[in-house]
Amino acid sequence: MPINDIVLSFVYRIVDFSGYANPGGTATSYSNNDSLKVYVSSNCGNTWNLIGFINGANHTVSNTFAKKSFCLGNSYAGQNVKLRFEAKWSTGDYWFDIDSVSLDVINVNVSNSSIVACQNDNITVTASGANTYTWNPGGLVASTFTVPTNTAGTSTYTVTGEISGCFASATIQTTVNPTPTISVNSATICSGQSATLTASGATSYTWNTSATSNSIVVNPSITTAYSVIGESLGCSNTATTQVVVNSLPIVSSSVTNATTPGCNNGSATLTVSGNGPFTYSWSAPASSTTNLATNLNGTSGTGTNYTVIVTDANGCSSVSTFTVDCVTSISSING
């Protein structure tokens, strides 16, 4: 339960009788045999309760008004009360002036009483309305409190303010939402292919490509990094990944045409660069598994078309096509 004590405040001064002036006067001390006692009654003066006093031990020697405050606690809240100031004189001649009497309920205010934050946010709350402040749990004595946000969850904190032995309190409720853990796959593709990247762990996503779905399709020409921001309950986190792009094998061919008679002695040799070793898949009727194919048929005039697929160690393939013609051999001409 919040605490809201009532404080009695007034200003007073004690000045020598012979040098009295208003304002001014000659400040005088106050002996321990002199006193001003302050009483409160909630039953029209039938009974009185002492709430404080001024004597030589706590008197402020000054020719200007000094403030004094006494605490009534909170048992008088909502009641009509009477105050009685009772002076006891023992020695000396002086004026005892009292002014600006007030009864006030102490209220401690906080800059934010309901906080929703994310893990590791820097959140501070400031209390006002009292002279000193104590925050619990923790026991911090300060007006400003840094809310712990390292752990997700809901917490309640109480700040108690103090004025002249009177206390008031306020509470704050904090909800610390967890930082989402974002996961995203990586991919390795061959040049010219596309990859699908899928993020998880949040409720909404924003990619560095400006896409806002959890999955995106990309087709970079070179190895490229991607990042995605995932957000849940107002809290965000970032994950990064990359798509590795492997180049295709580079293929060139050298063709020897077939000759008559038969037109079946053509050949082709492939020169390949890239990430070997390489595998070769020739179209029929060629049956080679290396970069050299022999006994290739040729067709006079139109030629015979052949295709070879070259695949490198990364599984990336290039396709090469060529034509084998059939030409008349010199021996056939001479014959």
Protein backbone atom coordinates (compact mmCIF):
# COMPACT_ATOMS: atom_id res chain seq x y z
CA MET A 1 0.00 0.00 0.00
CA PRO A 2 1.27 3.49 -0.81
CA ILE A 3 2.27 5.67 2.15
CA ASN A 4 1.14 9.30 2.34
CA ASP A 5 2.05 10.96 5.63
CA ILE A 6 0.93 14.47 6.66
CA VAL A 7 3.53 17.07 7.50
CA LEU A 8 3.03 20.24 9.55
CA SER A 9 5.23 23.11 8.39
CA PHE A 10 5.65 26.66 9.64
CA VAL A 11 8.26 29.38 9.82
CA TYR A 12 9.44 30.99 13.03
CA ARG A 13 12.08 33.25 14.53
CA ILE A 14 13.18 34.22 18.00
CA VAL A 15 14.63 37.75 18.37
CA ASP A 16 15.71 39.77 21.36
CA PHE A 17 12.88 41.89 22.78
CA SER A 18 14.94 45.05 23.06
CA GLY A 19 16.13 44.92 19.45
CA TYR A 20 12.92 43.78 17.80
CA ALA A 21 12.15 45.04 14.35
CA ASN A 22 10.15 43.59 11.51
CA PRO A 23 11.95 42.51 9.48
CA GLY A 24 15.21 42.29 11.32
CA GLY A 25 15.75 42.18 14.99
CA THR A 26 18.60 40.66 16.92
CA ALA A 27 18.70 36.86 16.75
CA THR A 28 18.85 35.17 20.08
CA SER A 29 19.54 31.69 21.34
CA TYR A 30 17.00 29.53 23.11
CA SER A 31 17.78 27.69 26.32
CA ASN A 32 16.95 24.05 26.92
CA ASN A 33 14.59 25.19 29.64
CA ASP A 34 12.59 27.16 27.07
CA SER A 35 10.43 25.33 24.58
CA LEU A 36 7.70 25.57 22.01
CA LYS A 37 5.59 22.44 21.88
CA VAL A 38 3.20 21.63 19.04
CA TYR A 39 0.11 19.50 19.63
CA VAL A 40 -2.64 18.12 17.39
CA SER A 41 -6.20 17.12 18.25
CA SER A 42 -8.75 15.31 16.11
CA ASN A 43 -11.61 15.56 18.63
CA CYS A 44 -12.06 19.32 18.97
CA GLY A 45 -9.43 19.67 21.70
CA ASN A 46 -10.65 17.01 24.11
CA THR A 47 -7.29 15.29 23.86
CA TRP A 48 -4.00 16.51 22.44
CA ASN A 49 -1.04 14.61 21.00
CA LEU A 50 2.45 16.09 21.03
CA ILE A 51 3.95 16.01 17.54
CA GLY A 52 7.10 18.09 18.01
CA PHE A 53 8.93 20.80 19.88
CA ILE A 54 11.60 23.47 19.58
CA ASN A 55 14.17 24.02 22.33
CA GLY A 56 17.79 25.02 22.63
CA ALA A 57 18.94 21.80 20.95
CA ASN A 58 17.08 22.23 17.66
CA HIS A 59 16.53 26.00 17.52
CA THR A 60 17.82 27.79 14.40
CA VAL A 61 19.44 31.04 15.56
CA SER A 62 18.53 33.64 12.94
CA ASN A 63 16.91 37.05 12.66
CA THR A 64 15.05 35.82 9.58
CA PHE A 65 12.32 33.22 9.53
CA ALA A 66 13.46 29.58 9.54
CA LYS A 67 11.29 26.67 8.44
CA LYS A 68 10.37 23.87 10.82
CA SER A 69 8.42 20.72 9.97
CA PHE A 70 6.89 17.95 12.09
CA CYS A 71 5.30 14.73 10.95
CA LEU A 72 1.74 13.77 11.86
CA GLY A 73 1.89 10.37 10.18
CA ASN A 74 -1.13 9.26 8.16
CA SER A 75 -3.62 8.49 10.93
CA TYR A 76 -5.20 11.96 10.60
CA ALA A 77 -5.90 11.64 6.90
CA GLY A 78 -9.40 12.84 6.01
CA GLN A 79 -10.07 14.34 9.49
CA ASN A 80 -10.54 17.87 10.79
CA VAL A 81 -7.79 18.69 13.27
CA LYS A 82 -6.82 21.49 15.63
CA LEU A 83 -3.27 22.62 16.30
CA ARG A 84 -1.92 24.07 19.52
CA PHE A 85 1.37 25.89 19.93
CA GLU A 86 2.41 25.97 23.60
CA ALA A 87 5.40 28.09 24.62
CA LYS A 88 7.31 27.69 27.87
CA TRP A 89 9.42 30.61 29.06
CA SER A 90 12.24 30.32 31.55
CA THR A 91 14.62 33.22 31.06
CA GLY A 92 15.35 36.20 28.82
CA ASP A 93 13.16 38.64 26.96
CA TYR A 94 12.37 37.81 23.33
CA TRP A 95 9.75 37.77 20.65
CA PHE A 96 8.64 34.41 19.29
CA ASP A 97 7.12 34.87 15.81
CA ILE A 98 5.26 32.08 13.94
CA ASP A 99 3.88 32.34 10.40
CA SER A 100 2.85 30.33 7.32
CA VAL A 101 1.38 27.34 9.15
CA SER A 102 0.34 24.55 6.78
CA LEU A 103 -0.68 20.90 6.83
CA ASP A 104 0.21 19.05 3.68
CA VAL A 105 -0.08 15.48 2.49
CA ILE A 106 3.25 14.32 1.10
CA ASN A 107 3.03 12.95 -2.40
CA VAL A 108 5.92 11.30 -4.17
CA ASN A 109 5.63 11.53 -7.93
CA VAL A 110 7.51 9.46 -10.48
CA SER A 111 8.29 10.44 -14.03
CA ASN A 112 6.91 7.14 -15.36
CA SER A 113 4.86 4.66 -13.35
CA SER A 114 4.19 2.10 -16.08
CA ILE A 115 7.18 1.09 -18.17
CA VAL A 116 7.38 -1.26 -21.13
CA ALA A 117 10.94 -1.79 -22.29
CA CYS A 118 13.18 -4.20 -24.14
CA GLN A 119 16.07 -6.15 -22.70
CA ASN A 120 19.17 -4.01 -22.11
CA ASP A 121 17.32 -0.75 -22.73
CA ASN A 122 18.59 2.22 -20.69
CA ILE A 123 15.52 3.32 -18.71
CA THR A 124 15.60 5.80 -15.81
CA VAL A 125 12.81 7.00 -13.54
CA THR A 126 12.99 10.18 -11.44
CA ALA A 127 11.10 10.75 -8.19
CA SER A 128 10.03 14.16 -6.89
CA GLY A 129 8.05 15.66 -4.01
CA ALA A 130 10.31 14.78 -1.07
CA ASN A 131 13.79 15.47 0.24
CA THR A 132 15.31 12.00 0.10
CA TYR A 133 14.29 8.84 -1.73
CA THR A 134 14.88 5.12 -1.23
CA TRP A 135 14.13 2.58 -3.96
CA ASN A 136 13.25 -1.03 -3.25
CA PRO A 137 14.09 -3.73 -3.88
CA GLY A 138 17.73 -2.76 -3.84
CA GLY A 139 17.83 0.02 -1.25
CA LEU A 140 19.19 2.67 -3.62
CA VAL A 141 19.14 6.12 -2.02
CA ALA A 142 18.76 8.59 -4.88
CA SER A 143 16.09 10.54 -6.72
CA THR A 144 16.85 8.78 -10.03
CA PHE A 145 16.52 5.03 -10.47
CA THR A 146 17.86 2.97 -13.37
CA VAL A 147 15.41 0.19 -14.15
CA PRO A 148 17.08 -3.25 -14.46
CA THR A 149 16.38 -4.54 -17.97
CA ASN A 150 18.90 -7.33 -18.36
CA THR A 151 16.25 -9.99 -17.70
CA ALA A 152 12.85 -10.22 -19.36
CA GLY A 153 9.81 -10.24 -17.08
CA THR A 154 7.46 -8.11 -14.98
CA SER A 155 8.58 -6.32 -11.81
CA THR A 156 7.31 -3.82 -9.24
CA TYR A 157 9.53 -1.19 -7.62
CA THR A 158 8.66 1.13 -4.73
CA VAL A 159 10.19 4.51 -3.99
CA THR A 160 9.75 6.01 -0.53
CA GLY A 161 10.31 9.72 -0.05
CA GLU A 162 11.04 11.41 3.27
CA ILE A 163 10.45 14.95 4.58
CA SER A 164 11.11 15.71 8.26
CA GLY A 165 10.40 12.14 9.31
CA CYS A 166 7.26 11.94 7.16
CA PHE A 167 7.08 9.40 4.37
CA ALA A 168 5.26 8.91 1.11
CA SER A 169 5.64 6.22 -1.49
CA ALA A 170 4.91 5.46 -5.12
CA THR A 171 5.24 2.33 -7.20
CA ILE A 172 6.26 1.64 -10.75
CA GLN A 173 5.40 -1.41 -12.81
CA THR A 174 7.92 -2.59 -15.38
CA THR A 175 7.52 -5.06 -18.21
CA VAL A 176 10.75 -6.02 -19.92
CA ASN A 177 10.11 -7.82 -23.18
CA PRO A 178 12.72 -10.27 -24.46
CA THR A 179 15.05 -9.49 -27.32
CA PRO A 180 14.08 -11.83 -30.15
CA THR A 181 16.66 -14.32 -31.38
CA ILE A 182 16.69 -14.09 -35.15
CA SER A 183 17.84 -17.02 -37.29
CA VAL A 184 18.41 -16.95 -41.04
CA ASN A 185 19.85 -19.56 -43.39
CA SER A 186 22.84 -19.09 -45.66
CA ALA A 187 23.12 -20.34 -49.23
CA THR A 188 25.66 -21.29 -51.89
CA ILE A 189 24.63 -20.97 -55.51
CA CYS A 190 26.14 -21.00 -58.97
CA SER A 191 26.33 -17.85 -61.01
CA GLY A 192 22.94 -17.13 -62.56
CA GLN A 193 20.96 -19.04 -59.94
CA SER A 194 18.70 -17.65 -57.19
CA ALA A 195 18.56 -18.45 -53.47
CA THR A 196 15.76 -18.32 -50.89
CA LEU A 197 16.61 -16.80 -47.50
CA THR A 198 14.18 -17.41 -44.64
CA ALA A 199 14.28 -15.66 -41.26
CA SER A 200 12.57 -16.85 -38.08
CA GLY A 201 12.25 -15.86 -34.43
CA ALA A 202 10.17 -12.67 -34.72
CA THR A 203 6.76 -11.48 -35.87
CA SER A 204 7.87 -8.95 -38.48
CA TYR A 205 10.98 -8.55 -40.58
CA THR A 206 12.79 -5.88 -42.56
CA TRP A 207 15.63 -6.87 -44.88
CA ASN A 208 18.41 -4.66 -46.17
CA THR A 209 16.81 -5.19 -49.56
CA SER A 210 13.72 -3.32 -48.21
CA ALA A 211 11.65 -6.52 -48.33
CA THR A 212 9.32 -7.05 -45.35
CA SER A 213 8.42 -10.75 -45.57
CA ASN A 214 10.17 -13.49 -43.62
CA SER A 215 11.43 -15.12 -46.86
CA ILE A 216 13.08 -13.44 -49.83
CA VAL A 217 14.46 -14.71 -53.13
CA VAL A 218 17.78 -13.19 -54.23
CA ASN A 219 19.99 -13.74 -57.25
CA PRO A 220 23.28 -11.93 -56.63
CA SER A 221 26.00 -11.99 -59.25
CA ILE A 222 28.78 -12.09 -56.63
CA THR A 223 29.01 -13.29 -53.06
CA THR A 224 26.76 -10.91 -51.08
CA ALA A 225 25.91 -10.32 -47.42
CA TYR A 226 22.31 -9.82 -46.30
CA SER A 227 20.89 -8.61 -42.99
CA VAL A 228 17.41 -8.80 -41.53
CA ILE A 229 15.88 -6.99 -38.56
CA GLY A 230 13.27 -9.02 -36.69
CA GLU A 231 10.79 -7.38 -34.29
CA SER A 232 8.51 -8.81 -31.61
CA LEU A 233 6.64 -6.92 -28.87
CA GLY A 234 8.42 -3.73 -29.88
CA CYS A 235 11.87 -5.28 -29.43
CA SER A 236 14.24 -5.98 -32.30
CA ASN A 237 17.40 -7.84 -33.16
CA THR A 238 19.48 -8.28 -36.30
CA ALA A 239 20.83 -11.35 -38.03
CA THR A 240 23.25 -11.46 -40.95
CA THR A 241 24.01 -14.10 -43.55
CA GLN A 242 25.59 -14.38 -46.96
CA VAL A 243 24.93 -15.99 -50.27
CA VAL A 244 28.11 -17.43 -51.78
CA VAL A 245 28.14 -17.25 -55.57
CA ASN A 246 30.44 -19.73 -57.35
CA SER A 247 31.48 -18.96 -60.89
CA LEU A 248 30.73 -21.32 -63.79
CA PRO A 249 33.46 -23.26 -65.56
CA ILE A 250 34.79 -21.51 -68.68
CA VAL A 251 34.78 -23.85 -71.69
CA SER A 252 36.25 -23.50 -75.16
CA SER A 253 36.38 -26.20 -77.84
CA SER A 254 38.68 -27.18 -80.67
CA VAL A 255 36.95 -29.25 -83.38
CA THR A 256 38.42 -31.49 -86.11
CA ASN A 257 35.84 -32.20 -88.80
CA ALA A 258 35.15 -35.71 -90.02
CA THR A 259 36.34 -36.72 -93.51
CA THR A 260 35.15 -38.98 -96.24
CA PRO A 261 34.72 -41.80 -96.68
CA GLY A 262 32.58 -42.61 -93.63
CA CYS A 263 32.43 -39.13 -92.08
CA ASN A 264 32.88 -40.69 -88.63
CA ASN A 265 36.38 -39.69 -87.60
CA GLY A 266 35.76 -36.19 -86.28
CA SER A 267 37.00 -35.12 -82.85
CA ALA A 268 36.63 -32.33 -80.29
CA THR A 269 38.93 -31.21 -77.50
CA LEU A 270 37.65 -29.01 -74.65
CA THR A 271 39.78 -26.55 -72.74
CA VAL A 272 38.22 -25.80 -69.31
CA SER A 273 39.18 -23.38 -66.55
CA GLY A 274 37.62 -22.94 -63.14
CA ASN A 275 37.30 -24.97 -59.97
CA GLY A 276 38.23 -28.53 -60.99
CA PRO A 277 38.20 -31.43 -61.17
CA PHE A 278 35.57 -31.45 -63.90
CA THR A 279 33.12 -34.00 -65.17
CA TYR A 280 31.87 -34.19 -68.76
CA SER A 281 28.55 -35.29 -70.15
CA TRP A 282 28.52 -35.52 -73.97
CA SER A 283 25.39 -35.79 -76.07
CA ALA A 284 24.92 -38.93 -78.25
CA PRO A 285 26.43 -40.38 -80.25
CA ALA A 286 29.57 -39.17 -78.40
CA SER A 287 30.38 -41.40 -75.45
CA SER A 288 33.42 -39.72 -73.87
CA THR A 289 33.72 -38.88 -70.16
CA THR A 290 36.81 -36.71 -70.58
CA ASN A 291 37.51 -33.43 -72.33
CA LEU A 292 38.33 -35.35 -75.57
CA ALA A 293 35.74 -37.00 -77.80
CA THR A 294 36.74 -38.97 -80.93
CA ASN A 295 35.02 -40.83 -83.75
CA LEU A 296 32.45 -38.13 -84.06
CA ASN A 297 30.09 -38.27 -86.99
CA GLY A 298 29.91 -35.32 -89.31
CA THR A 299 27.35 -34.29 -91.85
CA SER A 300 28.41 -32.70 -95.07
CA GLY A 301 26.97 -29.27 -95.59
CA THR A 302 24.80 -28.98 -92.49
CA GLY A 303 27.14 -30.56 -89.91
CA THR A 304 26.22 -32.61 -86.85
CA ASN A 305 25.55 -30.73 -83.61
CA TYR A 306 27.02 -31.90 -80.31
CA THR A 307 26.48 -30.68 -76.74
CA VAL A 308 28.70 -31.24 -73.71
CA ILE A 309 27.89 -30.29 -70.11
CA VAL A 310 30.95 -29.52 -67.99
CA THR A 311 30.43 -29.62 -64.20
CA ASP A 312 33.03 -28.39 -61.70
CA ALA A 313 33.79 -29.41 -58.10
CA ASN A 314 31.13 -26.98 -56.78
CA GLY A 315 28.43 -28.58 -58.90
CA CYS A 316 28.28 -25.60 -61.25
CA SER A 317 27.86 -26.40 -64.92
CA SER A 318 28.47 -24.78 -68.29
CA VAL A 319 27.10 -26.02 -71.61
CA SER A 320 29.19 -25.98 -74.78
CA THR A 321 27.82 -26.74 -78.26
CA PHE A 322 29.73 -27.28 -81.49
CA THR A 323 29.23 -28.69 -84.98
CA VAL A 324 31.20 -31.44 -86.75
CA ASP A 325 31.15 -31.18 -90.53
CA CYS A 326 32.12 -33.82 -93.04
CA VAL A 327 34.72 -32.77 -95.59
CA THR A 328 36.27 -34.66 -98.51
CA SER A 329 39.68 -36.03 -97.61
CA ILE A 330 42.68 -35.38 -99.84
CA SER A 331 43.08 -39.10 -100.44
CA SER A 332 39.54 -39.28 -101.72
CA ILE A 333 40.24 -36.45 -104.15
CA ASN A 334 43.42 -38.07 -105.40
CA GLY A 335 41.73 -41.44 -105.73
